[in-house]
């Protein structure tokens, strides 16, 4: 498997994977990534400064991805966004490699990394805690994903 930056041609494939995962976990509703205006064109959304989106692929087939973008406030906090993998590669170890790629980039630009998810995504919650994210009692101000019910933060300072 290969991890690389998103290309324009990846837009429909990664949107499909994200939507399939959201359906699987009951996230196909307003207030979650399902309704994000950028879902159909992640390539252009992540071309802005201090943003990046990485694709996992194998044999030229997109199997998942995740992104880093600035969080609404404060400007020293980024958000881990749209980290979704196809069922076929979950548990393969690639999620850890993908997360590390994103966090290495984030550490160059930000002091903390925030993420929002659903408590119903049990494996994802365990994964984030295992990788040093701390569960918060409430979301950071400025969140667009008002339907999320689990919020995490991780220091990027060494």
N, C-alpha and C. Protein backbone atom coordinates (compact mmCIF):
# COMPACT_ATOMS: atom_id res chain seq x y z
N UNK A 1 0.84 -1.18 0.00
CA UNK A 1 0.00 0.00 0.00
C UNK A 1 0.88 1.24 0.00
N UNK A 2 0.35 2.28 -0.59
CA UNK A 2 1.07 3.52 -0.77
C UNK A 2 0.25 4.66 -0.16
N UNK A 3 0.93 5.59 0.49
CA UNK A 3 0.29 6.81 0.99
C UNK A 3 0.86 7.97 0.19
N UNK A 4 -0.03 8.78 -0.38
CA UNK A 4 0.40 9.91 -1.21
C UNK A 4 -0.60 11.05 -1.05
N UNK A 5 -0.20 12.23 -1.51
CA UNK A 5 -1.12 13.37 -1.48
C UNK A 5 -2.25 13.18 -2.51
N UNK A 6 -3.39 13.74 -2.20
CA UNK A 6 -4.55 13.63 -3.07
C UNK A 6 -4.29 14.31 -4.41
N UNK A 7 -4.87 13.74 -5.44
CA UNK A 7 -4.85 14.32 -6.78
C UNK A 7 -6.31 14.55 -7.19
N UNK A 8 -6.50 15.40 -8.18
CA UNK A 8 -7.86 15.73 -8.62
C UNK A 8 -8.66 14.48 -8.96
N UNK A 9 -8.02 13.52 -9.60
CA UNK A 9 -8.70 12.30 -10.03
C UNK A 9 -9.22 11.45 -8.87
N UNK A 10 -8.78 11.72 -7.65
CA UNK A 10 -9.18 10.95 -6.47
C UNK A 10 -10.49 11.42 -5.86
N UNK A 11 -10.98 12.58 -6.26
CA UNK A 11 -12.15 13.17 -5.60
C UNK A 11 -13.34 12.22 -5.47
N UNK A 12 -13.79 11.64 -6.55
CA UNK A 12 -15.00 10.81 -6.48
C UNK A 12 -14.75 9.52 -5.69
N UNK A 13 -13.57 8.94 -5.81
CA UNK A 13 -13.26 7.70 -5.08
C UNK A 13 -13.26 7.93 -3.58
N UNK A 14 -12.59 8.98 -3.12
CA UNK A 14 -12.51 9.21 -1.68
C UNK A 14 -13.86 9.68 -1.14
N UNK A 15 -14.60 10.46 -1.90
CA UNK A 15 -15.94 10.84 -1.44
C UNK A 15 -16.80 9.60 -1.26
N UNK A 16 -16.73 8.67 -2.18
CA UNK A 16 -17.51 7.43 -2.09
C UNK A 16 -17.14 6.65 -0.82
N UNK A 17 -15.85 6.51 -0.54
CA UNK A 17 -15.40 5.78 0.66
C UNK A 17 -15.90 6.48 1.92
N UNK A 18 -15.76 7.78 1.98
CA UNK A 18 -16.22 8.53 3.16
C UNK A 18 -17.72 8.34 3.35
N UNK A 19 -18.49 8.47 2.29
CA UNK A 19 -19.94 8.31 2.41
C UNK A 19 -20.34 6.89 2.80
N UNK A 20 -19.65 5.89 2.27
CA UNK A 20 -19.94 4.50 2.65
C UNK A 20 -19.67 4.28 4.14
N UNK A 21 -18.57 4.82 4.64
CA UNK A 21 -18.25 4.70 6.05
C UNK A 21 -19.27 5.44 6.92
N UNK A 22 -19.66 6.62 6.49
CA UNK A 22 -20.65 7.38 7.26
C UNK A 22 -21.98 6.64 7.31
N UNK A 23 -22.39 6.03 6.23
CA UNK A 23 -23.61 5.22 6.23
C UNK A 23 -23.45 4.05 7.21
N UNK A 24 -22.31 3.39 7.15
CA UNK A 24 -22.04 2.23 8.01
C UNK A 24 -22.18 2.58 9.48
N UNK A 25 -21.74 3.76 9.87
CA UNK A 25 -21.75 4.15 11.28
C UNK A 25 -22.86 5.14 11.65
N UNK A 26 -23.85 5.30 10.79
CA UNK A 26 -24.97 6.19 11.09
C UNK A 26 -24.63 7.65 11.00
N UNK A 27 -23.62 7.99 10.23
CA UNK A 27 -23.19 9.37 10.12
C UNK A 27 -23.67 10.08 8.87
N UNK A 28 -24.65 9.52 8.19
CA UNK A 28 -25.17 10.13 6.96
C UNK A 28 -26.31 11.08 7.31
N UNK A 29 -25.90 12.19 7.95
CA UNK A 29 -26.88 13.18 8.39
C UNK A 29 -26.24 14.55 8.54
N UNK A 30 -27.09 15.53 8.64
CA UNK A 30 -26.66 16.91 8.84
C UNK A 30 -25.83 17.01 10.11
N UNK A 31 -24.83 17.88 10.08
CA UNK A 31 -23.99 18.10 11.25
C UNK A 31 -22.75 17.25 11.28
N UNK A 32 -22.57 16.42 10.26
CA UNK A 32 -21.37 15.58 10.15
C UNK A 32 -20.73 15.82 8.79
N UNK A 33 -19.63 15.14 8.53
CA UNK A 33 -18.92 15.31 7.26
C UNK A 33 -19.83 15.09 6.06
N UNK A 34 -20.89 14.32 6.25
CA UNK A 34 -21.86 14.04 5.19
C UNK A 34 -22.31 15.32 4.48
N UNK A 35 -22.48 16.38 5.23
CA UNK A 35 -23.01 17.63 4.69
C UNK A 35 -21.94 18.66 4.34
N UNK A 36 -20.66 18.31 4.47
CA UNK A 36 -19.58 19.26 4.17
C UNK A 36 -19.63 19.68 2.70
N UNK A 37 -19.56 20.96 2.47
CA UNK A 37 -19.62 21.50 1.11
C UNK A 37 -18.42 21.07 0.26
N UNK A 38 -17.32 20.72 0.89
CA UNK A 38 -16.11 20.36 0.14
C UNK A 38 -16.03 18.88 -0.22
N UNK A 39 -16.99 18.07 0.17
CA UNK A 39 -16.90 16.62 -0.01
C UNK A 39 -16.68 16.20 -1.46
N UNK A 40 -17.21 16.92 -2.40
CA UNK A 40 -17.08 16.53 -3.81
C UNK A 40 -15.76 16.98 -4.43
N UNK A 41 -15.00 17.82 -3.72
CA UNK A 41 -13.75 18.34 -4.29
C UNK A 41 -12.70 18.56 -3.20
N UNK A 42 -12.32 17.48 -2.54
CA UNK A 42 -11.32 17.58 -1.48
C UNK A 42 -9.97 18.05 -2.02
N UNK A 43 -9.68 17.72 -3.25
CA UNK A 43 -8.42 18.13 -3.86
C UNK A 43 -8.22 19.64 -3.75
N UNK A 44 -9.20 20.41 -4.16
CA UNK A 44 -9.05 21.88 -4.11
C UNK A 44 -9.13 22.41 -2.68
N UNK A 45 -9.98 21.83 -1.84
CA UNK A 45 -10.09 22.27 -0.46
C UNK A 45 -8.74 22.16 0.26
N UNK A 46 -8.02 21.08 0.02
CA UNK A 46 -6.76 20.84 0.72
C UNK A 46 -5.55 21.45 0.04
N UNK A 47 -5.73 22.20 -1.02
CA UNK A 47 -4.61 22.89 -1.67
C UNK A 47 -4.28 24.22 -0.99
N UNK A 48 -5.15 24.67 -0.12
CA UNK A 48 -4.92 25.92 0.62
C UNK A 48 -3.71 25.76 1.55
N UNK A 49 -3.10 26.87 1.97
CA UNK A 49 -1.94 26.79 2.86
C UNK A 49 -2.23 26.03 4.16
N UNK A 50 -1.23 25.31 4.62
CA UNK A 50 -1.28 24.56 5.88
C UNK A 50 -2.36 23.48 5.91
N UNK A 51 -2.73 22.99 4.74
CA UNK A 51 -3.68 21.89 4.61
C UNK A 51 -3.07 20.81 3.74
N UNK A 52 -3.48 19.58 3.97
CA UNK A 52 -3.06 18.47 3.11
C UNK A 52 -4.02 17.31 3.31
N UNK A 53 -4.18 16.52 2.27
CA UNK A 53 -5.00 15.31 2.35
C UNK A 53 -4.21 14.17 1.71
N UNK A 54 -4.11 13.07 2.43
CA UNK A 54 -3.36 11.91 1.96
C UNK A 54 -4.31 10.78 1.62
N UNK A 55 -3.97 10.10 0.56
CA UNK A 55 -4.73 8.97 0.04
C UNK A 55 -3.95 7.69 0.30
N UNK A 56 -4.66 6.64 0.68
CA UNK A 56 -4.09 5.30 0.74
C UNK A 56 -4.54 4.61 -0.54
N UNK A 57 -3.58 4.06 -1.25
CA UNK A 57 -3.94 3.35 -2.48
C UNK A 57 -3.14 2.06 -2.59
N UNK A 58 -3.70 1.15 -3.32
CA UNK A 58 -3.02 -0.10 -3.65
C UNK A 58 -3.42 -0.48 -5.06
N UNK A 59 -2.43 -0.77 -5.88
CA UNK A 59 -2.69 -1.09 -7.29
C UNK A 59 -3.57 -0.03 -7.96
N UNK A 60 -3.25 1.24 -7.68
CA UNK A 60 -3.95 2.41 -8.24
C UNK A 60 -5.42 2.50 -7.82
N UNK A 61 -5.81 1.79 -6.77
CA UNK A 61 -7.17 1.88 -6.25
C UNK A 61 -7.14 2.63 -4.93
N UNK A 62 -7.96 3.68 -4.82
CA UNK A 62 -8.06 4.46 -3.59
C UNK A 62 -8.81 3.64 -2.55
N UNK A 63 -8.21 3.52 -1.34
CA UNK A 63 -8.78 2.71 -0.27
C UNK A 63 -9.08 3.50 1.00
N UNK A 64 -8.74 4.79 1.01
CA UNK A 64 -9.01 5.60 2.18
C UNK A 64 -8.17 6.86 2.17
N UNK A 65 -8.27 7.61 3.27
CA UNK A 65 -7.49 8.82 3.36
C UNK A 65 -7.78 9.60 4.63
N UNK A 66 -7.03 10.69 4.81
CA UNK A 66 -7.30 11.63 5.90
C UNK A 66 -6.63 12.96 5.59
N UNK A 67 -7.12 14.01 6.26
CA UNK A 67 -6.60 15.33 6.00
C UNK A 67 -6.29 16.11 7.27
N UNK A 68 -5.51 17.15 7.08
CA UNK A 68 -5.22 18.13 8.13
C UNK A 68 -5.60 19.49 7.57
N UNK A 69 -6.35 20.24 8.36
CA UNK A 69 -6.72 21.61 7.99
C UNK A 69 -6.81 22.43 9.26
N UNK A 70 -6.69 23.75 9.13
CA UNK A 70 -6.81 24.58 10.34
C UNK A 70 -8.20 24.46 10.93
N UNK A 71 -8.26 24.48 12.26
CA UNK A 71 -9.55 24.47 12.95
C UNK A 71 -10.03 25.91 13.03
N UNK A 72 -11.31 26.09 13.22
CA UNK A 72 -11.92 27.42 13.23
C UNK A 72 -11.18 28.37 14.17
N UNK A 73 -10.97 27.96 15.40
CA UNK A 73 -10.25 28.78 16.36
C UNK A 73 -9.69 27.87 17.42
N UNK A 74 -8.62 28.11 18.04
CA UNK A 74 -7.64 29.14 17.69
C UNK A 74 -6.80 28.71 16.50
N UNK A 75 -6.05 29.62 15.96
CA UNK A 75 -5.29 29.32 14.73
C UNK A 75 -4.07 28.43 14.97
N UNK A 76 -3.78 28.08 16.21
CA UNK A 76 -2.66 27.18 16.49
C UNK A 76 -3.13 25.72 16.57
N UNK A 77 -4.40 25.50 16.28
CA UNK A 77 -4.99 24.16 16.36
C UNK A 77 -5.43 23.73 14.97
N UNK A 78 -5.04 22.52 14.60
CA UNK A 78 -5.51 21.96 13.33
C UNK A 78 -6.55 20.89 13.65
N UNK A 79 -7.17 20.41 12.60
CA UNK A 79 -8.16 19.34 12.77
C UNK A 79 -7.78 18.18 11.87
N UNK A 80 -7.80 16.99 12.44
CA UNK A 80 -7.69 15.76 11.66
C UNK A 80 -9.06 15.51 11.06
N UNK A 81 -9.13 15.47 9.73
CA UNK A 81 -10.42 15.44 9.06
C UNK A 81 -10.57 14.25 8.13
N UNK A 82 -11.77 13.76 8.10
CA UNK A 82 -12.20 12.77 7.11
C UNK A 82 -11.22 11.60 7.00
N UNK A 83 -10.88 11.01 8.16
CA UNK A 83 -10.03 9.82 8.17
C UNK A 83 -10.93 8.60 8.09
N UNK A 84 -11.00 8.05 6.90
CA UNK A 84 -11.86 6.89 6.64
C UNK A 84 -11.11 5.89 5.78
N UNK A 85 -11.32 4.61 6.09
CA UNK A 85 -10.70 3.53 5.34
C UNK A 85 -11.75 2.53 4.87
N UNK A 86 -11.53 1.95 3.72
CA UNK A 86 -12.38 0.87 3.23
C UNK A 86 -12.28 -0.31 4.20
N UNK A 87 -13.36 -1.07 4.31
CA UNK A 87 -13.36 -2.24 5.19
C UNK A 87 -12.20 -3.18 4.89
N UNK A 88 -11.83 -3.29 3.63
CA UNK A 88 -10.81 -4.26 3.21
C UNK A 88 -9.43 -4.00 3.81
N UNK A 89 -9.15 -2.78 4.29
CA UNK A 89 -7.82 -2.50 4.84
C UNK A 89 -7.85 -2.13 6.31
N UNK A 90 -9.01 -2.12 6.92
CA UNK A 90 -9.06 -1.85 8.35
C UNK A 90 -8.36 -2.98 9.09
N UNK A 91 -7.59 -2.63 10.09
CA UNK A 91 -6.86 -3.62 10.87
C UNK A 91 -5.54 -4.05 10.24
N UNK A 92 -5.18 -3.44 9.13
CA UNK A 92 -3.95 -3.81 8.42
C UNK A 92 -2.72 -3.06 8.93
N UNK A 93 -2.92 -2.04 9.77
CA UNK A 93 -1.82 -1.22 10.25
C UNK A 93 -1.62 0.05 9.45
N UNK A 94 -2.28 0.17 8.32
CA UNK A 94 -2.11 1.35 7.47
C UNK A 94 -2.68 2.60 8.14
N UNK A 95 -3.71 2.44 8.98
CA UNK A 95 -4.29 3.60 9.65
C UNK A 95 -3.24 4.31 10.51
N UNK A 96 -2.41 3.55 11.20
CA UNK A 96 -1.35 4.15 12.02
C UNK A 96 -0.34 4.90 11.18
N UNK A 97 0.00 4.35 10.02
CA UNK A 97 0.94 5.02 9.12
C UNK A 97 0.32 6.29 8.55
N UNK A 98 -0.94 6.22 8.20
CA UNK A 98 -1.65 7.38 7.66
C UNK A 98 -1.73 8.48 8.71
N UNK A 99 -2.10 8.11 9.92
CA UNK A 99 -2.18 9.09 11.01
C UNK A 99 -0.83 9.73 11.26
N UNK A 100 0.23 8.95 11.29
CA UNK A 100 1.57 9.50 11.54
C UNK A 100 1.98 10.47 10.44
N UNK A 101 1.65 10.15 9.20
CA UNK A 101 1.94 11.06 8.08
C UNK A 101 1.23 12.39 8.30
N UNK A 102 -0.04 12.33 8.68
CA UNK A 102 -0.81 13.55 8.92
C UNK A 102 -0.26 14.34 10.10
N UNK A 103 0.09 13.65 11.20
CA UNK A 103 0.58 14.35 12.38
C UNK A 103 1.97 14.95 12.16
N UNK A 104 2.80 14.28 11.36
CA UNK A 104 4.11 14.86 11.03
C UNK A 104 3.94 16.19 10.29
N UNK A 105 3.01 16.24 9.36
CA UNK A 105 2.71 17.48 8.64
C UNK A 105 2.13 18.52 9.60
N UNK A 106 1.18 18.10 10.41
CA UNK A 106 0.51 19.02 11.34
C UNK A 106 1.51 19.67 12.29
N UNK A 107 2.49 18.90 12.77
CA UNK A 107 3.46 19.41 13.73
C UNK A 107 4.33 20.53 13.15
N UNK A 108 4.41 20.61 11.83
CA UNK A 108 5.17 21.69 11.19
C UNK A 108 4.43 23.03 11.24
N UNK A 109 3.11 22.99 11.46
CA UNK A 109 2.30 24.20 11.34
C UNK A 109 1.46 24.54 12.58
N UNK A 110 1.25 23.57 13.45
CA UNK A 110 0.30 23.74 14.55
C UNK A 110 0.87 23.21 15.86
N UNK A 111 0.24 23.63 16.97
CA UNK A 111 0.66 23.16 18.30
C UNK A 111 -0.21 22.01 18.81
N UNK A 112 -1.44 21.93 18.31
CA UNK A 112 -2.35 20.89 18.75
C UNK A 112 -3.17 20.38 17.56
N UNK A 113 -3.60 19.13 17.68
CA UNK A 113 -4.47 18.53 16.67
C UNK A 113 -5.76 18.08 17.34
N UNK A 114 -6.86 18.51 16.79
CA UNK A 114 -8.20 18.24 17.31
C UNK A 114 -8.92 17.31 16.33
N UNK A 115 -9.84 16.52 16.85
CA UNK A 115 -10.70 15.74 15.96
C UNK A 115 -12.04 15.52 16.62
N UNK A 116 -13.02 15.28 15.77
CA UNK A 116 -14.38 15.01 16.22
C UNK A 116 -14.83 13.71 15.58
N UNK A 117 -15.54 12.90 16.34
CA UNK A 117 -16.03 11.63 15.81
C UNK A 117 -17.32 11.24 16.53
N UNK A 118 -17.75 10.04 16.29
CA UNK A 118 -18.94 9.50 16.93
C UNK A 118 -18.53 8.43 17.94
N UNK A 119 -19.18 8.41 19.09
CA UNK A 119 -18.90 7.37 20.08
C UNK A 119 -19.21 5.99 19.52
N UNK A 120 -20.14 5.91 18.58
CA UNK A 120 -20.51 4.62 17.99
C UNK A 120 -19.40 4.01 17.15
N UNK A 121 -18.40 4.79 16.81
CA UNK A 121 -17.25 4.28 16.06
C UNK A 121 -16.21 3.80 17.09
N UNK A 122 -16.51 2.69 17.75
CA UNK A 122 -15.72 2.19 18.87
C UNK A 122 -14.25 1.98 18.52
N UNK A 123 -13.98 1.35 17.39
CA UNK A 123 -12.59 1.08 17.00
C UNK A 123 -11.83 2.39 16.77
N UNK A 124 -12.49 3.36 16.16
CA UNK A 124 -11.84 4.65 15.91
C UNK A 124 -11.50 5.33 17.23
N UNK A 125 -12.41 5.29 18.19
CA UNK A 125 -12.15 5.91 19.49
C UNK A 125 -10.97 5.24 20.20
N UNK A 126 -10.90 3.91 20.16
CA UNK A 126 -9.76 3.21 20.75
C UNK A 126 -8.46 3.59 20.04
N UNK A 127 -8.53 3.68 18.71
CA UNK A 127 -7.36 4.03 17.90
C UNK A 127 -6.82 5.41 18.27
N UNK A 128 -7.71 6.39 18.40
CA UNK A 128 -7.26 7.74 18.72
C UNK A 128 -6.64 7.80 20.12
N UNK A 129 -7.26 7.14 21.09
CA UNK A 129 -6.68 7.12 22.44
C UNK A 129 -5.32 6.42 22.43
N UNK A 130 -5.22 5.31 21.72
CA UNK A 130 -3.95 4.56 21.61
C UNK A 130 -2.85 5.43 21.01
N UNK A 131 -3.22 6.37 20.15
CA UNK A 131 -2.25 7.22 19.46
C UNK A 131 -2.09 8.59 20.12
N UNK A 132 -2.42 8.67 21.41
CA UNK A 132 -2.09 9.85 22.19
C UNK A 132 -3.11 10.97 22.22
N UNK A 133 -4.29 10.75 21.67
CA UNK A 133 -5.34 11.77 21.73
C UNK A 133 -6.06 11.64 23.07
N UNK A 134 -6.42 12.78 23.66
CA UNK A 134 -7.13 12.82 24.93
C UNK A 134 -8.59 13.21 24.68
N UNK A 135 -9.49 12.46 25.26
CA UNK A 135 -10.93 12.73 25.13
C UNK A 135 -11.27 14.03 25.87
N UNK A 136 -12.03 14.89 25.21
CA UNK A 136 -12.50 16.14 25.81
C UNK A 136 -13.96 15.97 26.26
N UNK A 137 -14.38 16.81 27.20
CA UNK A 137 -15.76 16.76 27.68
C UNK A 137 -16.74 17.43 26.73
N UNK A 138 -16.23 18.34 25.90
CA UNK A 138 -17.09 19.06 24.97
C UNK A 138 -16.25 19.50 23.76
N UNK A 139 -16.91 19.88 22.68
CA UNK A 139 -16.15 20.30 21.49
C UNK A 139 -15.50 21.66 21.70
N UNK A 140 -14.45 21.91 20.94
CA UNK A 140 -13.85 23.24 20.91
C UNK A 140 -14.82 24.19 20.22
N UNK A 141 -14.81 25.44 20.59
CA UNK A 141 -15.66 26.43 19.94
C UNK A 141 -15.34 26.55 18.47
N UNK A 142 -16.36 26.70 17.64
CA UNK A 142 -16.16 26.86 16.21
C UNK A 142 -16.38 25.60 15.42
N UNK A 143 -16.80 24.55 16.07
CA UNK A 143 -17.03 23.28 15.39
C UNK A 143 -18.19 23.38 14.42
N UNK A 144 -18.02 22.78 13.24
CA UNK A 144 -19.10 22.73 12.26
C UNK A 144 -19.87 21.41 12.36
N UNK A 145 -19.26 20.42 13.02
CA UNK A 145 -19.86 19.09 13.10
C UNK A 145 -20.62 18.95 14.42
N UNK A 146 -21.76 19.62 14.51
CA UNK A 146 -22.51 19.67 15.75
C UNK A 146 -23.14 18.33 16.14
N UNK A 147 -23.17 17.36 15.25
CA UNK A 147 -23.76 16.06 15.56
C UNK A 147 -22.74 15.07 16.14
N UNK A 148 -21.47 15.43 16.18
CA UNK A 148 -20.46 14.56 16.77
C UNK A 148 -20.66 14.51 18.28
N UNK A 149 -20.24 13.42 18.89
CA UNK A 149 -20.40 13.30 20.34
C UNK A 149 -19.14 12.80 21.04
N UNK A 150 -18.01 12.82 20.33
CA UNK A 150 -16.71 12.51 20.94
C UNK A 150 -15.67 13.46 20.33
N UNK A 151 -14.89 14.10 21.20
CA UNK A 151 -13.94 15.11 20.77
C UNK A 151 -12.60 14.82 21.41
N UNK A 152 -11.54 14.94 20.63
CA UNK A 152 -10.19 14.61 21.10
C UNK A 152 -9.22 15.72 20.74
N UNK A 153 -8.14 15.79 21.54
CA UNK A 153 -7.06 16.75 21.29
C UNK A 153 -5.72 16.04 21.54
N UNK A 154 -4.71 16.47 20.82
CA UNK A 154 -3.35 15.91 20.99
C UNK A 154 -2.37 17.05 20.84
N UNK A 155 -1.43 17.13 21.76
CA UNK A 155 -0.35 18.11 21.66
C UNK A 155 0.62 17.65 20.58
N UNK A 156 1.08 18.60 19.77
CA UNK A 156 2.05 18.30 18.72
C UNK A 156 3.44 18.79 19.08
N UNK A 157 3.56 19.41 20.24
CA UNK A 157 4.85 19.93 20.70
C UNK A 157 5.65 18.82 21.35
N UNK A 158 6.93 18.78 21.04
CA UNK A 158 7.79 17.73 21.58
C UNK A 158 8.57 18.24 22.76
